[in-house]
Amino acid sequence: MTFSPASLLTQLMQFPVPRRYCVAFSGGVDSHVLLHALVQLRDRLPCHVLHAIHINHGIHPDANQWTRHCEIVCHDLDVSFESVPLQVQKQSKLSLEAVARDARYAEFTRLSLVDDMLLLAHHQDDQAETLLLQLLRGSGVKGLAGMPVCMAFAQGWLARPLLAHGREELQEYAMEQHLPWIDDPSNQDTTFDRNFLRHVVLPVIRQRWPAASATLSRVAQHQAEAADLLDILGQQDLASLATADARIIRIAPLLALAPMRQRNVLRYWLHRVCTLTIPSTVHLQRIIDEILRADEDAEPLVHWHGAEVRRYRDHLYAMSPLTAGDPNWQQAWDLQDCLRLPTGETLETQQAEGSGLRKTDLAQGVTVRYRHGGERCRLTGRTHHHELKKLLQEWAIPPWQRDRIPLVYIGDKLAQVAGYCVCEPFAAKPNEPGLQIIVKPADPAIETTPENKDNSPGCTP
């Protein structure tokens, strides 16, 4: 099928209707073809608003000239233009290619508005290269599914409407329309894996199998269907493991599943439900061997980039990596504003009657700190004090959370285990004015760093 604006319109009509079409515009031939064809269709599109986003990685000496070229093209096409400068530096264990890609998508996410559709100019040959890369990396079905045609992204969608067309078709269109484009010399550098496949491996394959790109793209489609089926099975299996907290599942019914279904439901749970990075085959097997089969009183941990899994009793917990706590942290609190904790959580107050802390006691001064050991508390309705350690065990609080629970002191006495109980004699009696202290979870949009961990707009530092 030859590429044309009409073929692009057919594909776009299968996607949701956005508020804006945002083209990731590098200035290369593929993204220029996509942008040019969209302009030809502007009056026929379900949404007439077109916007181009150019990411200046700052890697090549001519990067600023490329930005200017893209701006001129968009001006001539009457398309709004936005340029974002980046400073990309190679990180250990990550290629410059991967770092640049991650930074680029982070900017696309940041710039996305509600119901935007980000359009990428990936084509059939890109899909074939992606499949081969994933195959050589030992990826599973999800990796071999390649790049999806359309998916949820940021506040809207991300779509690749050119996946049915090959590189040569797009270049023919560009030459017919006399489009000027940028040739990034890094695309010829075969030290990059993708370029090695593009310029060395695939040409040899096509000598024997000319339709290799189309065939490999079809394979990716088959794998995408298989991945969808595995997700359906994972969702069904997860229903028998679920608890009230989506990030906690029961271990006993998980062990009752066949090994392949254990691995599948764990992948589905970690990625689709917990939105964590998918563990490698090695890490997934470690979860099964070292955590699922561990003794109930053990405290095993398996972690990988951006995620970790722990066990407590008969439950499996998934989370982002916990930051190291400061056991010596403490903070005086005047109760006028919310208090941000080192963990990123906040303490807030709420007026109450007959519950919470007795307000008349608060004049002695309030301090918040973490557990040091030896704390004791008498619960309302009980006649004697309990060690806090025993109470935390009684409440089935996982060990890694116990030293992260904020303790509220009035004077030098423990008055409240925030989020769990108020200690006698500080509990407000019926009809007495009280103040409830509420723990708010950490906001994932606010990164907890040494510079901001104790500060937040509207919170006491």
Protein backbone atom coordinates (compact mmCIF):
# COMPACT_ATOMS: atom_id res chain seq x y z
CA MET A 1 0.00 0.00 0.00
CA THR A 2 1.52 3.29 -1.14
CA PHE A 3 1.60 6.06 1.42
CA SER A 4 -0.64 9.08 0.83
CA PRO A 5 -2.61 11.56 2.94
CA ALA A 6 -5.68 9.43 2.20
CA SER A 7 -4.08 6.31 3.69
CA LEU A 8 -3.03 8.35 6.73
CA LEU A 9 -6.61 9.60 7.17
CA THR A 10 -7.92 6.02 7.07
CA GLN A 11 -5.60 5.13 9.95
CA LEU A 12 -6.33 8.27 11.99
CA MET A 13 -10.09 7.67 11.77
CA GLN A 14 -9.56 4.45 13.76
CA PHE A 15 -8.12 6.36 16.73
CA PRO A 16 -9.95 8.33 19.45
CA VAL A 17 -10.77 11.93 18.61
CA PRO A 18 -8.24 14.18 20.37
CA ARG A 19 -8.20 17.84 21.35
CA ARG A 20 -4.90 18.32 19.51
CA TYR A 21 -2.70 16.28 17.20
CA CYS A 22 0.86 16.76 18.48
CA VAL A 23 3.58 15.57 16.11
CA ALA A 24 6.97 14.60 17.53
CA PHE A 25 8.89 16.54 14.86
CA SER A 26 12.62 15.80 14.62
CA GLY A 27 12.95 17.30 11.15
CA GLY A 28 13.91 13.93 9.68
CA VAL A 29 12.19 12.55 6.62
CA ASP A 30 9.66 10.39 8.49
CA SER A 31 8.34 13.05 10.86
CA HIS A 32 8.33 15.64 8.04
CA VAL A 33 6.21 13.34 5.88
CA LEU A 34 3.79 12.79 8.77
CA LEU A 35 3.47 16.50 9.50
CA HIS A 36 3.11 17.46 5.83
CA ALA A 37 0.41 14.85 5.19
CA LEU A 38 -1.50 15.98 8.30
CA VAL A 39 -1.53 19.55 6.99
CA GLN A 40 -3.00 18.32 3.70
CA LEU A 41 -5.75 16.64 5.73
CA ARG A 42 -6.34 19.46 8.20
CA ASP A 43 -9.88 20.27 7.06
CA ARG A 44 -10.87 16.60 6.94
CA LEU A 45 -9.54 15.54 10.31
CA PRO A 46 -11.91 15.03 13.27
CA CYS A 47 -9.71 17.59 15.07
CA HIS A 48 -8.20 20.53 13.15
CA VAL A 49 -5.61 21.61 15.73
CA LEU A 50 -2.05 20.62 14.79
CA HIS A 51 0.99 21.18 16.96
CA ALA A 52 4.65 20.20 16.48
CA ILE A 53 7.06 19.41 19.31
CA HIS A 54 10.78 19.39 18.58
CA ILE A 55 13.20 17.94 21.14
CA ASN A 56 16.69 19.42 20.87
CA HIS A 57 18.94 16.82 22.51
CA GLY A 58 21.97 19.08 22.17
CA ILE A 59 24.18 16.13 21.21
CA HIS A 60 25.12 17.09 17.63
CA PRO A 61 26.97 20.38 16.92
CA ASP A 62 24.24 21.34 14.42
CA ALA A 63 21.38 20.69 16.87
CA ASN A 64 20.43 24.37 17.14
CA GLN A 65 20.40 24.71 13.34
CA TRP A 66 18.08 21.71 13.16
CA THR A 67 15.75 23.40 15.62
CA ARG A 68 15.68 26.52 13.44
CA HIS A 69 14.99 24.37 10.35
CA CYS A 70 12.01 22.73 12.10
CA GLU A 71 10.66 26.10 13.17
CA ILE A 72 10.80 27.40 9.59
CA VAL A 73 9.06 24.28 8.25
CA CYS A 74 6.25 24.66 10.78
CA HIS A 75 5.90 28.35 9.99
CA ASP A 76 5.56 27.56 6.29
CA LEU A 77 2.98 24.86 7.05
CA ASP A 78 1.08 27.12 9.48
CA VAL A 79 1.56 24.67 12.36
CA SER A 80 2.25 25.84 15.90
CA PHE A 81 5.77 24.94 16.98
CA GLU A 82 7.35 24.19 20.35
CA SER A 83 11.02 23.44 20.94
CA VAL A 84 12.43 21.86 24.09
CA PRO A 85 16.19 21.90 24.80
CA LEU A 86 17.66 18.92 26.66
CA GLN A 87 21.05 18.18 28.15
CA VAL A 88 21.55 14.44 27.71
CA GLN A 89 24.43 12.71 29.46
CA LYS A 90 25.25 9.02 29.33
CA GLN A 91 24.52 7.12 32.53
CA SER A 92 26.18 3.94 33.77
CA LYS A 93 24.62 0.75 32.39
CA LEU A 94 22.45 2.78 29.97
CA SER A 95 23.34 3.65 26.39
CA LEU A 96 23.21 7.25 25.24
CA GLU A 97 20.42 6.13 22.90
CA ALA A 98 18.33 4.86 25.85
CA VAL A 99 19.00 7.93 27.98
CA ALA A 100 17.97 10.25 25.13
CA ARG A 101 14.80 8.24 24.52
CA ASP A 102 13.79 8.32 28.19
CA ALA A 103 14.43 12.07 28.39
CA ARG A 104 12.44 12.65 25.21
CA TYR A 105 9.39 10.74 26.44
CA ALA A 106 9.57 12.50 29.80
CA GLU A 107 9.28 15.82 27.97
CA PHE A 108 6.41 14.57 25.83
CA THR A 109 4.62 13.55 29.02
CA ARG A 110 5.27 16.93 30.64
CA LEU A 111 4.00 18.88 27.62
CA SER A 112 0.90 16.76 27.08
CA LEU A 113 -2.47 18.37 27.71
CA VAL A 114 -5.76 16.64 28.41
CA ASP A 115 -6.94 14.61 25.39
CA ASP A 116 -3.82 15.32 23.33
CA MET A 117 -2.73 12.68 20.84
CA LEU A 118 1.02 12.44 20.39
CA LEU A 119 1.81 11.19 16.89
CA LEU A 120 5.12 9.42 16.28
CA ALA A 121 6.49 8.69 12.82
CA HIS A 122 7.65 5.13 13.45
CA HIS A 123 7.09 2.99 10.36
CA GLN A 124 7.11 -0.65 9.32
CA ASP A 125 10.90 -0.93 9.12
CA ASP A 126 11.22 0.57 12.61
CA GLN A 127 8.82 -2.09 13.85
CA ALA A 128 10.89 -4.85 12.23
CA GLU A 129 14.05 -3.49 13.86
CA THR A 130 12.32 -3.30 17.23
CA LEU A 131 11.16 -6.92 16.98
CA LEU A 132 14.68 -8.12 16.15
CA LEU A 133 16.19 -6.08 18.99
CA GLN A 134 13.73 -7.53 21.48
CA LEU A 135 14.28 -11.03 20.14
CA LEU A 136 18.05 -10.70 20.56
CA ARG A 137 17.53 -9.40 24.10
CA GLY A 138 15.53 -12.50 24.98
CA SER A 139 12.26 -10.62 25.49
CA GLY A 140 8.97 -12.38 26.11
CA VAL A 141 5.67 -12.01 24.32
CA LYS A 142 5.11 -8.41 25.42
CA GLY A 143 8.52 -7.32 24.15
CA LEU A 144 8.04 -9.14 20.86
CA ALA A 145 4.73 -7.34 20.38
CA GLY A 146 6.83 -4.35 19.35
CA MET A 147 5.41 -0.85 19.28
CA PRO A 148 1.63 -0.51 19.65
CA VAL A 149 -0.32 1.43 17.03
CA CYS A 150 -2.26 3.37 19.66
CA MET A 151 -2.11 3.45 23.44
CA ALA A 152 -3.02 5.59 26.42
CA PHE A 153 -0.30 8.15 27.17
CA ALA A 154 -0.03 10.92 29.75
CA GLN A 155 -3.40 12.69 29.70
CA GLY A 156 -4.39 11.41 26.27
CA TRP A 157 -2.97 8.99 23.71
CA LEU A 158 0.15 8.08 21.75
CA ALA A 159 -0.29 6.78 18.22
CA ARG A 160 1.93 5.56 15.38
CA PRO A 161 -0.16 5.93 12.22
CA LEU A 162 2.70 5.02 9.81
CA LEU A 163 3.36 1.45 10.99
CA ALA A 164 1.72 -0.01 7.89
CA HIS A 165 4.17 1.81 5.59
CA GLY A 166 7.83 1.15 4.85
CA ARG A 167 10.72 3.60 4.85
CA GLU A 168 10.94 3.66 1.04
CA GLU A 169 7.26 4.64 0.69
CA LEU A 170 7.75 7.62 2.97
CA GLN A 171 10.91 8.72 1.18
CA GLU A 172 9.11 8.51 -2.18
CA TYR A 173 6.37 10.78 -0.82
CA ALA A 174 8.97 13.23 0.53
CA MET A 175 10.74 13.45 -2.83
CA GLU A 176 7.48 13.83 -4.75
CA GLN A 177 6.48 16.71 -2.49
CA HIS A 178 10.01 18.22 -2.55
CA LEU A 179 10.25 18.17 1.24
CA PRO A 180 13.53 19.31 2.80
CA TRP A 181 14.59 17.14 5.70
CA ILE A 182 17.46 16.68 8.13
CA ASP A 183 19.84 13.74 7.87
CA ASP A 184 21.20 13.09 11.34
CA PRO A 185 24.65 11.50 10.83
CA SER A 186 24.20 9.52 14.05
CA ASN A 187 21.62 7.42 12.18
CA GLN A 188 24.54 5.96 10.21
CA ASP A 189 26.58 5.06 13.31
CA THR A 190 26.53 1.26 13.46
CA THR A 191 27.90 1.22 17.01
CA PHE A 192 24.24 1.73 17.96
CA ASP A 193 22.38 -1.60 17.97
CA ARG A 194 19.41 -0.36 15.98
CA ASN A 195 21.64 1.18 13.28
CA PHE A 196 23.65 -2.04 13.06
CA LEU A 197 20.46 -3.98 12.36
CA ARG A 198 19.24 -1.32 9.91
CA HIS A 199 22.40 -0.97 7.84
CA VAL A 200 24.15 -4.33 8.22
CA VAL A 201 21.77 -7.12 9.24
CA LEU A 202 18.45 -6.32 7.57
CA PRO A 203 19.89 -5.61 4.10
CA VAL A 204 21.35 -9.13 4.08
CA ILE A 205 18.04 -10.61 5.25
CA ARG A 206 16.12 -8.72 2.54
CA GLN A 207 18.39 -10.13 -0.16
CA ARG A 208 16.91 -13.54 0.67
CA TRP A 209 13.49 -12.42 1.95
CA PRO A 210 12.52 -9.08 0.32
CA ALA A 211 9.30 -8.75 2.35
CA ALA A 212 11.10 -9.28 5.67
CA SER A 213 9.96 -5.98 7.23
CA ALA A 214 6.30 -6.65 6.44
CA THR A 215 6.62 -10.21 7.70
CA LEU A 216 8.31 -9.20 10.94
CA SER A 217 5.68 -6.51 11.52
CA ARG A 218 3.01 -9.18 11.09
CA VAL A 219 4.82 -11.32 13.67
CA ALA A 220 4.70 -8.36 16.08
CA GLN A 221 0.93 -8.11 15.53
CA HIS A 222 0.52 -11.81 16.36
CA GLN A 223 2.60 -11.35 19.51
CA ALA A 224 0.49 -8.34 20.50
CA GLU A 225 -2.64 -10.50 20.30
CA ALA A 226 -0.95 -13.20 22.37
CA ALA A 227 0.07 -10.56 24.93
CA ASP A 228 -3.54 -9.38 25.17
CA LEU A 229 -4.68 -12.94 25.82
CA LEU A 230 -2.05 -13.34 28.55
CA ASP A 231 -3.32 -10.12 30.14
CA ILE A 232 -6.87 -11.48 30.14
CA LEU A 233 -5.67 -14.67 31.83
CA GLY A 234 -3.58 -12.62 34.28
CA GLN A 235 -6.59 -10.50 35.18
CA GLN A 236 -8.68 -13.61 35.81
CA ASP A 237 -6.01 -15.24 37.97
CA LEU A 238 -5.40 -12.03 39.91
CA ALA A 239 -9.04 -11.94 41.01
CA SER A 240 -8.39 -15.01 43.20
CA LEU A 241 -5.29 -13.42 44.78
CA ALA A 242 -6.46 -9.87 45.34
CA THR A 243 -6.83 -8.02 48.64
CA ALA A 244 -8.35 -4.65 49.46
CA ASP A 245 -4.97 -3.07 48.60
CA ALA A 246 -4.10 -3.47 44.91
CA ARG A 247 -0.38 -3.70 45.73
CA ILE A 248 -0.83 -6.67 48.06
CA ILE A 249 -1.75 -10.19 46.95
CA ARG A 250 -2.19 -13.52 48.78
CA ILE A 251 0.58 -16.06 48.42
CA ALA A 252 -1.23 -19.35 49.12
CA PRO A 253 -3.57 -19.22 46.07
CA LEU A 254 -0.69 -17.92 43.96
CA LEU A 255 1.34 -21.04 44.78
CA ALA A 256 -1.65 -23.18 43.79
CA LEU A 257 -1.33 -21.99 40.17
CA ALA A 258 0.80 -23.75 37.59
CA PRO A 259 4.32 -22.24 37.32
CA MET A 260 3.68 -20.55 33.97
CA ARG A 261 0.50 -18.95 35.33
CA GLN A 262 2.38 -17.80 38.44
CA ARG A 263 4.89 -15.98 36.23
CA ASN A 264 2.16 -14.53 34.03
CA VAL A 265 -0.02 -13.21 36.84
CA LEU A 266 3.01 -11.72 38.60
CA ARG A 267 3.99 -9.85 35.43
CA TYR A 268 0.42 -8.64 34.96
CA TRP A 269 0.07 -7.54 38.58
CA LEU A 270 3.42 -5.75 38.77
CA HIS A 271 3.11 -3.95 35.44
CA ARG A 272 -0.58 -3.40 34.78
CA VAL A 273 -1.86 -3.00 38.34
CA CYS A 274 1.12 -1.71 40.32
CA THR A 275 2.50 0.25 37.32
CA LEU A 276 6.04 -0.89 38.11
CA THR A 277 8.71 -1.90 35.62
CA ILE A 278 8.43 -5.52 34.49
CA PRO A 279 11.02 -7.73 36.23
CA SER A 280 13.51 -9.64 34.13
CA THR A 281 13.24 -13.42 33.88
CA VAL A 282 15.95 -13.72 36.53
CA HIS A 283 14.21 -11.37 38.97
CA LEU A 284 10.84 -13.01 38.36
CA GLN A 285 12.28 -16.43 39.20
CA ARG A 286 13.91 -14.98 42.31
CA ILE A 287 10.49 -13.74 43.47
CA ILE A 288 9.14 -17.28 43.13
CA ASP A 289 12.14 -19.06 44.66
CA GLU A 290 13.23 -16.62 47.36
CA ILE A 291 9.96 -14.97 48.40
CA LEU A 292 7.01 -17.23 47.63
CA ARG A 293 8.78 -20.25 49.04
CA ALA A 294 10.32 -18.46 52.03
CA ASP A 295 9.24 -19.18 55.61
CA GLU A 296 6.39 -16.97 56.82
CA ASP A 297 8.59 -15.33 59.44
CA ALA A 298 11.33 -14.50 56.91
CA GLU A 299 11.76 -11.00 55.48
CA PRO A 300 12.92 -11.65 51.88
CA LEU A 301 13.37 -8.84 49.38
CA VAL A 302 13.84 -8.82 45.61
CA HIS A 303 14.44 -5.49 43.92
CA TRP A 304 15.17 -4.25 40.40
CA HIS A 305 15.14 -0.86 38.69
CA GLY A 306 12.26 1.19 40.09
CA ALA A 307 10.59 -1.62 42.02
CA GLU A 308 10.83 -4.08 44.87
CA VAL A 309 8.79 -7.00 46.20
CA ARG A 310 8.63 -8.12 49.84
CA ARG A 311 6.78 -10.74 51.86
CA TYR A 312 5.01 -10.50 55.19
CA ARG A 313 3.17 -13.54 56.52
CA ASP A 314 1.00 -14.86 53.67
CA HIS A 315 1.04 -11.71 51.57
CA LEU A 316 3.22 -10.37 48.77
CA TYR A 317 3.83 -6.61 48.67
CA ALA A 318 4.96 -4.60 45.61
CA MET A 319 6.24 -1.03 45.86
CA SER A 320 8.67 1.55 44.62
CA PRO A 321 12.05 1.27 46.38
CA LEU A 322 11.88 2.60 49.93
CA THR A 323 14.15 5.51 50.72
CA ALA A 324 16.47 5.11 53.67
CA GLY A 325 14.88 6.51 56.83
CA ASP A 326 16.51 8.80 59.41
CA PRO A 327 15.80 7.33 62.86
CA ASN A 328 17.01 10.53 64.53
CA TRP A 329 14.61 12.80 62.69
CA GLN A 330 12.15 14.75 64.81
CA GLN A 331 10.22 17.97 64.30
CA ALA A 332 8.32 20.33 66.57
CA TRP A 333 4.88 21.04 65.13
CA ASP A 334 2.59 23.97 65.89
CA LEU A 335 -0.40 22.15 64.25
CA GLN A 336 -1.25 25.26 62.22
CA ASP A 337 -0.10 23.83 58.89
CA CYS A 338 0.38 20.34 57.52
CA LEU A 339 3.71 18.72 58.33
CA ARG A 340 5.70 17.01 55.56
CA LEU A 341 7.57 13.94 56.72
CA PRO A 342 10.88 12.62 55.34
CA THR A 343 8.97 9.75 53.71
CA GLY A 344 6.96 12.23 51.62
CA GLU A 345 3.79 11.66 53.63
CA THR A 346 2.09 14.60 55.33
CA LEU A 347 0.31 15.02 58.64
CA GLU A 348 -2.83 17.15 58.63
CA THR A 349 -5.23 18.16 61.38
CA GLN A 350 -9.00 18.13 61.56
CA GLN A 351 -11.21 19.56 64.30
CA ALA A 352 -13.28 16.91 66.07
CA GLU A 353 -15.44 16.43 69.15
CA GLY A 354 -15.02 13.38 71.31
CA SER A 355 -12.23 11.90 69.20
CA GLY A 356 -8.58 12.43 68.44
CA LEU A 357 -6.23 14.22 70.84
CA ARG A 358 -7.68 16.25 73.70
CA LYS A 359 -7.14 19.88 72.66
CA THR A 360 -6.45 21.09 76.20
CA ASP A 361 -3.29 18.91 76.28
CA LEU A 362 -1.78 20.39 73.14
CA ALA A 363 -0.45 23.50 74.89
CA GLN A 364 2.37 21.33 76.27
CA GLY A 365 3.90 21.27 72.78
CA VAL A 366 3.78 18.66 70.02
CA THR A 367 6.75 16.85 68.49
CA VAL A 368 6.76 14.23 65.75
CA ARG A 369 9.45 11.58 65.40
CA TYR A 370 9.98 7.95 64.46
CA ARG A 371 10.33 4.80 66.55
CA HIS A 372 13.56 4.30 68.50
CA GLY A 373 12.47 1.23 70.49
CA GLY A 374 10.99 0.88 73.96
CA GLU A 375 7.90 3.04 73.30
CA ARG A 376 4.73 2.13 75.20
CA CYS A 377 1.10 3.09 74.74
CA ARG A 378 -2.15 2.35 76.60
CA LEU A 379 -5.01 1.93 74.17
CA THR A 380 -8.40 3.39 74.90
CA GLY A 381 -10.47 0.83 76.78
CA ARG A 382 -7.48 -1.15 78.03
CA THR A 383 -6.18 -1.15 81.60
CA HIS A 384 -2.44 -1.46 81.00
CA HIS A 385 0.30 -0.27 78.69
CA HIS A 386 1.67 -2.27 75.77
CA GLU A 387 5.02 -2.14 74.08
CA LEU A 388 4.61 -0.43 70.72
CA LYS A 389 6.56 -3.29 69.14
CA LYS A 390 3.89 -5.75 70.30
CA LEU A 391 1.06 -3.51 69.10
CA LEU A 392 2.60 -3.21 65.63
CA GLN A 393 2.80 -7.00 65.45
CA GLU A 394 -0.80 -7.26 66.67
CA TRP A 395 -1.91 -4.86 63.94
CA ALA A 396 -0.03 -6.97 61.34
CA ILE A 397 2.06 -4.03 60.13
CA PRO A 398 4.92 -5.25 57.91
CA PRO A 399 8.37 -4.84 59.51
CA TRP A 400 9.67 -2.41 56.87
CA GLN A 401 6.80 0.00 57.63
CA ARG A 402 7.15 0.03 61.41
CA ASP A 403 10.04 2.47 61.62
CA ARG A 404 8.31 4.79 59.14
CA ILE A 405 5.16 5.37 61.22
CA PRO A 406 5.05 8.92 62.64
CA LEU A 407 4.76 9.07 66.41
CA VAL A 408 3.15 12.17 67.96
CA TYR A 409 4.48 13.26 71.34
CA ILE A 410 2.88 15.75 73.71
CA GLY A 411 5.64 16.96 75.97
CA ASP A 412 7.85 13.90 76.41
CA LYS A 413 5.06 11.30 76.29
CA LEU A 414 3.80 9.27 73.33
CA ALA A 415 0.29 10.53 72.59
CA GLN A 416 -0.56 9.04 69.20
CA VAL A 417 0.65 6.45 66.74
CA ALA A 418 -0.43 8.40 63.68
CA GLY A 419 -2.83 6.47 61.51
CA TYR A 420 -3.43 3.77 64.14
CA CYS A 421 -4.34 4.87 67.66
CA VAL A 422 -4.44 7.62 70.30
CA CYS A 423 -2.87 6.72 73.64
CA GLU A 424 -4.55 7.29 76.98
CA PRO A 425 -4.64 9.73 78.76
CA PHE A 426 -4.46 12.00 75.67
CA ALA A 427 -7.65 10.76 73.98
CA ALA A 428 -10.54 13.22 73.87
CA LYS A 429 -13.52 12.02 75.89
CA PRO A 430 -17.12 12.25 74.63
CA ASN A 431 -18.17 15.90 74.23
CA GLU A 432 -14.56 17.11 74.69
CA PRO A 433 -13.00 19.18 71.89
CA GLY A 434 -10.42 17.12 70.04
CA LEU A 435 -8.01 17.31 67.14
CA GLN A 436 -7.61 14.43 64.75
CA ILE A 437 -4.21 13.93 63.08
CA ILE A 438 -4.50 12.37 59.65
CA VAL A 439 -1.71 10.77 57.62
CA LYS A 440 -1.83 11.62 53.93
CA PRO A 441 0.13 9.36 51.56
CA ALA A 442 3.12 10.68 49.64
CA ASP A 443 2.34 12.54 46.43
CA PRO A 444 4.13 10.62 43.63
CA ALA A 445 4.43 13.87 41.68
CA ILE A 446 6.69 15.33 44.42
CA GLU A 447 10.08 13.68 44.55
CA THR A 448 11.41 13.28 48.08
CA THR A 449 14.99 14.55 48.06
CA PRO A 450 17.29 15.89 50.77
CA GLU A 451 16.41 19.39 49.54
CA ASN A 452 12.64 19.13 49.74
CA LYS A 453 11.84 16.20 52.00
CA ASP A 454 10.72 18.40 54.90
CA ASN A 455 9.08 21.13 52.86
CA SER A 456 6.01 21.44 50.72
CA PRO A 457 3.70 24.30 49.79
CA GLY A 458 1.40 24.90 52.74
CA CYS A 459 3.33 22.54 55.06
CA THR A 460 5.39 23.34 58.13
CA PRO A 461 9.13 22.91 57.38
